[in-house]
Amino acid sequence: MHSEVKFKRLADDVFECPVGSPLEAQNLARALRASRLVEDAVPGLNRVAVTFEPDRADDVQAWLDTLRSTDWPASEPGDTVELDIAYGGADGPDLEAVCATLGLSQTTFIAQHTAQTHTVEMLGFTPGFAYISGLSDAWSVSRLSDPRPRVPAGSVGISGRFTGIYALAGPGGWPLIGRTAAALFEADRDPPFLLHPGQHLRFRSV
């Protein structure tokens, strides 16, 4: 992977580096953290948010310039993680509406959702919330017009072409198709969140 990388200032000590793909974002964030020039680097879908002291800007840009002819270090996703999901019912109150939108029976939806290997692309918009690729291009579902004030931890939703999993309880507007009982967050675990960018997932219906 070869890219010219430039950053732009978002705030006094917050910058962003646009990139071409979630994988580039993950690898660049990893490389930035390893460089020890920055305080933190958080990958997104097509950019990396970076925090560092403004007086180090020239040093950081000089280091970024060396990446034009250097492969960025790639991550090793490790073993594929299997997550059990209870689809529909109280755990997935929007599954019926989602299936109606897609023109699928619930049985077919679940079969297709569990047949794929999915990839965690990024974490956000709440702590530990996982954006997961792997859905068919035809599966484009809009978010709810009225977001829920509280979504239980472990809830699984879909929106656009992503599956999303709520690691923590909180507000959210993704249509919910199910829920996992997996321990997505443990304060004394390192790292505390089970899911991380670059990880491969398989879903299993229970």
C-alpha atoms as a PDB file:
ATOM      1  CA  MET A   1       0.000   0.000   0.000  1.00  0.00           C
ATOM      2  CA  HIS A   2       1.571   3.318  -1.062  1.00  0.00           C
ATOM      3  CA  SER A   3      -0.062   6.676  -0.376  1.00  0.00           C
ATOM      4  CA  GLU A   4       0.810  10.298   0.093  1.00  0.00           C
ATOM      5  CA  VAL A   5      -0.640  11.341   3.436  1.00  0.00           C
ATOM      6  CA  LYS A   6      -1.394  14.874   4.557  1.00  0.00           C
ATOM      7  CA  PHE A   7      -3.103  16.002   7.720  1.00  0.00           C
ATOM      8  CA  LYS A   8      -5.313  19.003   8.350  1.00  0.00           C
ATOM      9  CA  ARG A   9      -6.080  20.730  11.623  1.00  0.00           C
ATOM     10  CA  LEU A  10      -9.544  20.251  13.156  1.00  0.00           C
ATOM     11  CA  ALA A  11      -8.803  21.913  16.520  1.00  0.00           C
ATOM     12  CA  ASP A  12      -5.783  23.156  18.459  1.00  0.00           C
ATOM     13  CA  ASP A  13      -4.383  19.666  18.968  1.00  0.00           C
ATOM     14  CA  VAL A  14      -6.662  17.518  16.799  1.00  0.00           C
ATOM     15  CA  PHE A  15      -5.865  16.708  13.182  1.00  0.00           C
ATOM     16  CA  GLU A  16      -7.165  14.285  10.569  1.00  0.00           C
ATOM     17  CA  CYS A  17      -5.553  12.345   7.747  1.00  0.00           C
ATOM     18  CA  PRO A  18      -7.882  11.410   4.870  1.00  0.00           C
ATOM     19  CA  VAL A  19      -7.198   7.944   3.430  1.00  0.00           C
ATOM     20  CA  GLY A  20      -8.733   5.702   0.812  1.00  0.00           C
ATOM     21  CA  SER A  21     -10.252   2.826   2.763  1.00  0.00           C
ATOM     22  CA  PRO A  22     -11.007   1.490   6.253  1.00  0.00           C
ATOM     23  CA  LEU A  23      -8.000  -0.836   5.987  1.00  0.00           C
ATOM     24  CA  GLU A  24      -5.675   2.083   5.215  1.00  0.00           C
ATOM     25  CA  ALA A  25      -7.172   3.965   8.172  1.00  0.00           C
ATOM     26  CA  GLN A  26      -6.515   1.047  10.535  1.00  0.00           C
ATOM     27  CA  ASN A  27      -2.953   0.544   9.322  1.00  0.00           C
ATOM     28  CA  LEU A  28      -2.083   4.251   9.376  1.00  0.00           C
ATOM     29  CA  ALA A  29      -3.505   4.639  12.897  1.00  0.00           C
ATOM     30  CA  ARG A  30      -1.407   1.695  14.033  1.00  0.00           C
ATOM     31  CA  ALA A  31       1.707   3.159  12.426  1.00  0.00           C
ATOM     32  CA  LEU A  32       1.071   6.593  13.944  1.00  0.00           C
ATOM     33  CA  ARG A  33       0.703   5.150  17.420  1.00  0.00           C
ATOM     34  CA  ALA A  34       3.897   3.132  16.969  1.00  0.00           C
ATOM     35  CA  SER A  35       5.783   6.270  15.864  1.00  0.00           C
ATOM     36  CA  ARG A  36       5.392   7.786  19.349  1.00  0.00           C
ATOM     37  CA  LEU A  37       5.019  11.204  17.741  1.00  0.00           C
ATOM     38  CA  VAL A  38       1.313  11.414  18.537  1.00  0.00           C
ATOM     39  CA  GLU A  39      -0.814  11.073  21.648  1.00  0.00           C
ATOM     40  CA  ASP A  40      -3.508   9.006  19.972  1.00  0.00           C
ATOM     41  CA  ALA A  41      -4.758   7.970  16.532  1.00  0.00           C
ATOM     42  CA  VAL A  42      -8.312   6.746  15.937  1.00  0.00           C
ATOM     43  CA  PRO A  43      -9.233   5.116  12.603  1.00  0.00           C
ATOM     44  CA  GLY A  44     -12.506   5.868  10.819  1.00  0.00           C
ATOM     45  CA  LEU A  45     -13.904   4.602   7.541  1.00  0.00           C
ATOM     46  CA  ASN A  46     -11.833   6.927   5.338  1.00  0.00           C
ATOM     47  CA  ARG A  47      -9.778   9.063   7.718  1.00  0.00           C
ATOM     48  CA  VAL A  48      -7.713   8.934  10.896  1.00  0.00           C
ATOM     49  CA  ALA A  49      -8.215  11.380  13.762  1.00  0.00           C
ATOM     50  CA  VAL A  50      -4.895  12.269  15.375  1.00  0.00           C
ATOM     51  CA  THR A  51      -4.049  14.185  18.535  1.00  0.00           C
ATOM     52  CA  PHE A  52      -0.620  15.670  19.196  1.00  0.00           C
ATOM     53  CA  GLU A  53       0.978  18.882  20.397  1.00  0.00           C
ATOM     54  CA  PRO A  54       0.711  21.553  17.669  1.00  0.00           C
ATOM     55  CA  ASP A  55       4.447  22.366  17.917  1.00  0.00           C
ATOM     56  CA  ARG A  56       5.160  18.801  16.713  1.00  0.00           C
ATOM     57  CA  ALA A  57       3.250  19.331  13.446  1.00  0.00           C
ATOM     58  CA  ASP A  58       6.403  19.576  11.311  1.00  0.00           C
ATOM     59  CA  ASP A  59       7.825  16.394  12.847  1.00  0.00           C
ATOM     60  CA  VAL A  60       4.612  14.489  12.271  1.00  0.00           C
ATOM     61  CA  GLN A  61       4.302  15.658   8.664  1.00  0.00           C
ATOM     62  CA  ALA A  62       7.943  14.790   7.989  1.00  0.00           C
ATOM     63  CA  TRP A  63       7.307  11.302   9.332  1.00  0.00           C
ATOM     64  CA  LEU A  64       4.119  10.984   7.251  1.00  0.00           C
ATOM     65  CA  ASP A  65       6.078  11.964   4.148  1.00  0.00           C
ATOM     66  CA  THR A  66       8.275   8.886   4.563  1.00  0.00           C
ATOM     67  CA  LEU A  67       5.172   6.725   4.027  1.00  0.00           C
ATOM     68  CA  ARG A  68       5.058   7.676   0.341  1.00  0.00           C
ATOM     69  CA  SER A  69       7.557   4.926  -0.408  1.00  0.00           C
ATOM     70  CA  THR A  70       6.972   2.655   2.561  1.00  0.00           C
ATOM     71  CA  ASP A  71       4.346  -0.002   3.049  1.00  0.00           C
ATOM     72  CA  TRP A  72       2.205   0.772   6.064  1.00  0.00           C
ATOM     73  CA  PRO A  73       2.291  -2.086   8.581  1.00  0.00           C
ATOM     74  CA  ALA A  74      -0.796  -4.269   8.275  1.00  0.00           C
ATOM     75  CA  SER A  75      -2.663  -5.826  11.140  1.00  0.00           C
ATOM     76  CA  GLU A  76      -3.153  -9.504  11.731  1.00  0.00           C
ATOM     77  CA  PRO A  77      -6.871 -10.059  12.289  1.00  0.00           C
ATOM     78  CA  GLY A  78      -6.297 -13.285  14.185  1.00  0.00           C
ATOM     79  CA  ASP A  79      -8.950 -15.931  14.556  1.00  0.00           C
ATOM     80  CA  THR A  80     -12.460 -15.215  13.317  1.00  0.00           C
ATOM     81  CA  VAL A  81     -14.739 -14.428  16.262  1.00  0.00           C
ATOM     82  CA  GLU A  82     -18.148 -16.093  16.391  1.00  0.00           C
ATOM     83  CA  LEU A  83     -20.974 -14.143  17.987  1.00  0.00           C
ATOM     84  CA  ASP A  84     -24.267 -15.778  18.931  1.00  0.00           C
ATOM     85  CA  ILE A  85     -27.243 -13.585  18.054  1.00  0.00           C
ATOM     86  CA  ALA A  86     -30.857 -13.945  19.129  1.00  0.00           C
ATOM     87  CA  TYR A  87     -32.653 -12.600  16.055  1.00  0.00           C
ATOM     88  CA  GLY A  88     -36.069 -10.947  16.169  1.00  0.00           C
ATOM     89  CA  GLY A  89     -38.613 -10.765  18.961  1.00  0.00           C
ATOM     90  CA  ALA A  90     -37.842  -8.487  21.888  1.00  0.00           C
ATOM     91  CA  ASP A  91     -34.128  -8.693  21.048  1.00  0.00           C
ATOM     92  CA  GLY A  92     -34.647  -7.550  17.452  1.00  0.00           C
ATOM     93  CA  PRO A  93     -37.835  -5.493  17.380  1.00  0.00           C
ATOM     94  CA  ASP A  94     -37.183  -4.087  13.889  1.00  0.00           C
ATOM     95  CA  LEU A  95     -36.349  -7.352  12.138  1.00  0.00           C
ATOM     96  CA  GLU A  96     -39.823  -7.744  10.629  1.00  0.00           C
ATOM     97  CA  ALA A  97     -39.774  -4.207   9.207  1.00  0.00           C
ATOM     98  CA  VAL A  98     -36.223  -4.662   7.888  1.00  0.00           C
ATOM     99  CA  CYS A  99     -37.196  -7.879   6.125  1.00  0.00           C
ATOM    100  CA  ALA A 100     -40.232  -6.172   4.592  1.00  0.00           C
ATOM    101  CA  THR A 101     -37.986  -3.377   3.286  1.00  0.00           C
ATOM    102  CA  LEU A 102     -35.573  -5.883   1.757  1.00  0.00           C
ATOM    103  CA  GLY A 103     -38.274  -8.195   0.436  1.00  0.00           C
ATOM    104  CA  LEU A 104     -36.931 -11.167   2.396  1.00  0.00           C
ATOM    105  CA  SER A 105     -38.440 -13.623   4.806  1.00  0.00           C
ATOM    106  CA  GLN A 106     -36.920 -13.605   8.276  1.00  0.00           C
ATOM    107  CA  THR A 107     -35.576 -17.098   7.668  1.00  0.00           C
ATOM    108  CA  THR A 108     -33.804 -15.983   4.493  1.00  0.00           C
ATOM    109  CA  PHE A 109     -32.477 -12.820   6.134  1.00  0.00           C
ATOM    110  CA  ILE A 110     -30.983 -14.740   9.037  1.00  0.00           C
ATOM    111  CA  ALA A 111     -29.530 -17.392   6.736  1.00  0.00           C
ATOM    112  CA  GLN A 112     -27.793 -14.761   4.599  1.00  0.00           C
ATOM    113  CA  HIS A 113     -26.620 -12.675   7.562  1.00  0.00           C
ATOM    114  CA  THR A 114     -25.028 -15.711   9.209  1.00  0.00           C
ATOM    115  CA  ALA A 115     -23.528 -17.083   5.974  1.00  0.00           C
ATOM    116  CA  GLN A 116     -21.037 -14.223   5.518  1.00  0.00           C
ATOM    117  CA  THR A 117     -17.711 -13.457   7.117  1.00  0.00           C
ATOM    118  CA  HIS A 118     -17.921  -9.864   8.318  1.00  0.00           C
ATOM    119  CA  THR A 119     -15.182  -7.345   9.170  1.00  0.00           C
ATOM    120  CA  VAL A 120     -15.085  -4.714  11.907  1.00  0.00           C
ATOM    121  CA  GLU A 121     -14.175  -1.522  10.051  1.00  0.00           C
ATOM    122  CA  MET A 122     -14.177   1.030  12.884  1.00  0.00           C
ATOM    123  CA  LEU A 123     -15.441   1.862  16.352  1.00  0.00           C
ATOM    124  CA  GLY A 124     -17.623   4.924  17.098  1.00  0.00           C
ATOM    125  CA  PHE A 125     -20.206   6.764  17.449  1.00  0.00           C
ATOM    126  CA  THR A 126     -20.511   5.660  21.087  1.00  0.00           C
ATOM    127  CA  PRO A 127     -17.676   3.871  22.941  1.00  0.00           C
ATOM    128  CA  GLY A 128     -17.115   0.425  21.466  1.00  0.00           C
ATOM    129  CA  PHE A 129     -19.886   0.676  18.868  1.00  0.00           C
ATOM    130  CA  ALA A 130     -18.689  -1.480  15.962  1.00  0.00           C
ATOM    131  CA  TYR A 131     -19.285  -0.648  12.291  1.00  0.00           C
ATOM    132  CA  ILE A 132     -19.106  -3.999  10.524  1.00  0.00           C
ATOM    133  CA  SER A 133     -18.950  -4.538   6.756  1.00  0.00           C
ATOM    134  CA  GLY A 134     -20.013  -7.654   4.896  1.00  0.00           C
ATOM    135  CA  LEU A 135     -23.611  -6.999   3.925  1.00  0.00           C
ATOM    136  CA  SER A 136     -24.816  -7.329   0.352  1.00  0.00           C
ATOM    137  CA  ASP A 137     -24.837  -4.121  -1.700  1.00  0.00           C
ATOM    138  CA  ALA A 138     -28.594  -4.615  -2.009  1.00  0.00           C
ATOM    139  CA  TRP A 139     -29.068  -4.413   1.757  1.00  0.00           C
ATOM    140  CA  SER A 140     -29.473  -0.694   2.261  1.00  0.00           C
ATOM    141  CA  VAL A 141     -31.689   0.119   5.238  1.00  0.00           C
ATOM    142  CA  SER A 142     -32.284   3.633   6.559  1.00  0.00           C
ATOM    143  CA  ARG A 143     -31.913   4.565  10.184  1.00  0.00           C
ATOM    144  CA  LEU A 144     -35.006   5.100  12.306  1.00  0.00           C
ATOM    145  CA  SER A 145     -36.737   8.450  11.955  1.00  0.00           C
ATOM    146  CA  ASP A 146     -37.187   8.501  15.748  1.00  0.00           C
ATOM    147  CA  PRO A 147     -34.061   7.162  17.498  1.00  0.00           C
ATOM    148  CA  ARG A 148     -34.549   5.199  20.690  1.00  0.00           C
ATOM    149  CA  PRO A 149     -33.470   6.994  23.884  1.00  0.00           C
ATOM    150  CA  ARG A 150     -31.937   3.748  25.175  1.00  0.00           C
ATOM    151  CA  VAL A 151     -30.703   0.707  23.277  1.00  0.00           C
ATOM    152  CA  PRO A 152     -29.571  -2.297  25.363  1.00  0.00           C
ATOM    153  CA  ALA A 153     -25.918  -3.312  25.288  1.00  0.00           C
ATOM    154  CA  GLY A 154     -25.316  -6.135  22.823  1.00  0.00           C
ATOM    155  CA  SER A 155     -28.020  -4.955  20.435  1.00  0.00           C
ATOM    156  CA  VAL A 156     -27.332  -5.627  16.759  1.00  0.00           C
ATOM    157  CA  GLY A 157     -28.671  -3.346  14.043  1.00  0.00           C
ATOM    158  CA  ILE A 158     -28.157  -2.656  10.367  1.00  0.00           C
ATOM    159  CA  SER A 159     -28.000   0.636   8.506  1.00  0.00           C
ATOM    160  CA  GLY A 160     -26.745   1.434   5.051  1.00  0.00           C
ATOM    161  CA  ARG A 161     -24.450  -1.483   4.209  1.00  0.00           C
ATOM    162  CA  PHE A 162     -23.229  -2.013   7.767  1.00  0.00           C
ATOM    163  CA  THR A 163     -24.101  -4.161  10.717  1.00  0.00           C
ATOM    164  CA  GLY A 164     -23.702  -2.214  13.955  1.00  0.00           C
ATOM    165  CA  ILE A 165     -23.273  -3.624  17.453  1.00  0.00           C
ATOM    166  CA  TYR A 166     -23.816  -1.558  20.603  1.00  0.00           C
ATOM    167  CA  ALA A 167     -21.127  -2.467  23.136  1.00  0.00           C
ATOM    168  CA  LEU A 168     -22.753  -0.251  25.763  1.00  0.00           C
ATOM    169  CA  ALA A 169     -26.339   0.750  26.449  1.00  0.00           C
ATOM    170  CA  GLY A 170     -27.291   4.181  25.157  1.00  0.00           C
ATOM    171  CA  PRO A 171     -29.357   6.089  22.607  1.00  0.00           C
ATOM    172  CA  GLY A 172     -29.380   4.938  19.002  1.00  0.00           C
ATOM    173  CA  GLY A 173     -31.272   5.001  15.736  1.00  0.00           C
ATOM    174  CA  TRP A 174     -30.181   1.812  13.992  1.00  0.00           C
ATOM    175  CA  PRO A 175     -32.986  -0.666  13.195  1.00  0.00           C
ATOM    176  CA  LEU A 176     -32.448  -3.548  15.621  1.00  0.00           C
ATOM    177  CA  ILE A 177     -32.417  -7.080  14.235  1.00  0.00           C
ATOM    178  CA  GLY A 178     -31.147  -8.995  17.263  1.00  0.00           C
ATOM    179  CA  ARG A 179     -28.929  -9.049  20.302  1.00  0.00           C
ATOM    180  CA  THR A 180     -25.802 -10.865  21.467  1.00  0.00           C
ATOM    181  CA  ALA A 181     -25.106 -11.927  25.047  1.00  0.00           C
ATOM    182  CA  ALA A 182     -21.338 -11.790  24.441  1.00  0.00           C
ATOM    183  CA  ALA A 183     -19.306  -9.732  26.919  1.00  0.00           C
ATOM    184  CA  LEU A 184     -18.542  -6.851  24.562  1.00  0.00           C
ATOM    185  CA  PHE A 185     -17.139  -4.666  27.355  1.00  0.00           C
ATOM    186  CA  GLU A 186     -15.232  -5.645  30.486  1.00  0.00           C
ATOM    187  CA  ALA A 187     -13.555  -2.846  32.406  1.00  0.00           C
ATOM    188  CA  ASP A 188     -10.714  -5.048  33.667  1.00  0.00           C
ATOM    189  CA  ARG A 189      -9.973  -6.584  30.242  1.00  0.00           C
ATOM    190  CA  ASP A 190      -7.128  -5.273  28.080  1.00  0.00           C
ATOM    191  CA  PRO A 191      -8.391  -3.958  25.773  1.00  0.00           C
ATOM    192  CA  PRO A 192     -11.795  -3.530  27.464  1.00  0.00           C
ATOM    193  CA  PHE A 193     -13.817  -3.904  24.246  1.00  0.00           C
ATOM    194  CA  LEU A 194     -14.115  -7.327  22.631  1.00  0.00           C
ATOM    195  CA  LEU A 195     -14.375  -6.022  19.061  1.00  0.00           C
ATOM    196  CA  HIS A 196     -11.666  -4.027  17.299  1.00  0.00           C
ATOM    197  CA  PRO A 197     -10.988  -2.751  13.752  1.00  0.00           C
ATOM    198  CA  GLY A 198      -9.738  -5.378  11.331  1.00  0.00           C
ATOM    199  CA  GLN A 199     -11.340  -8.249  13.205  1.00  0.00           C
ATOM    200  CA  HIS A 200     -13.288 -10.903  11.306  1.00  0.00           C
ATOM    201  CA  LEU A 201     -16.696 -12.012  12.596  1.00  0.00           C
ATOM    202  CA  ARG A 202     -19.190 -14.750  11.943  1.00  0.00           C
ATOM    203  CA  PHE A 203     -22.714 -14.552  13.332  1.00  0.00           C
ATOM    204  CA  ARG A 204     -24.606 -17.582  14.598  1.00  0.00           C
ATOM    205  CA  SER A 205     -28.356 -17.662  15.195  1.00  0.00           C
ATOM    206  CA  VAL A 206     -29.453 -18.891  18.636  1.00  0.00           C
END
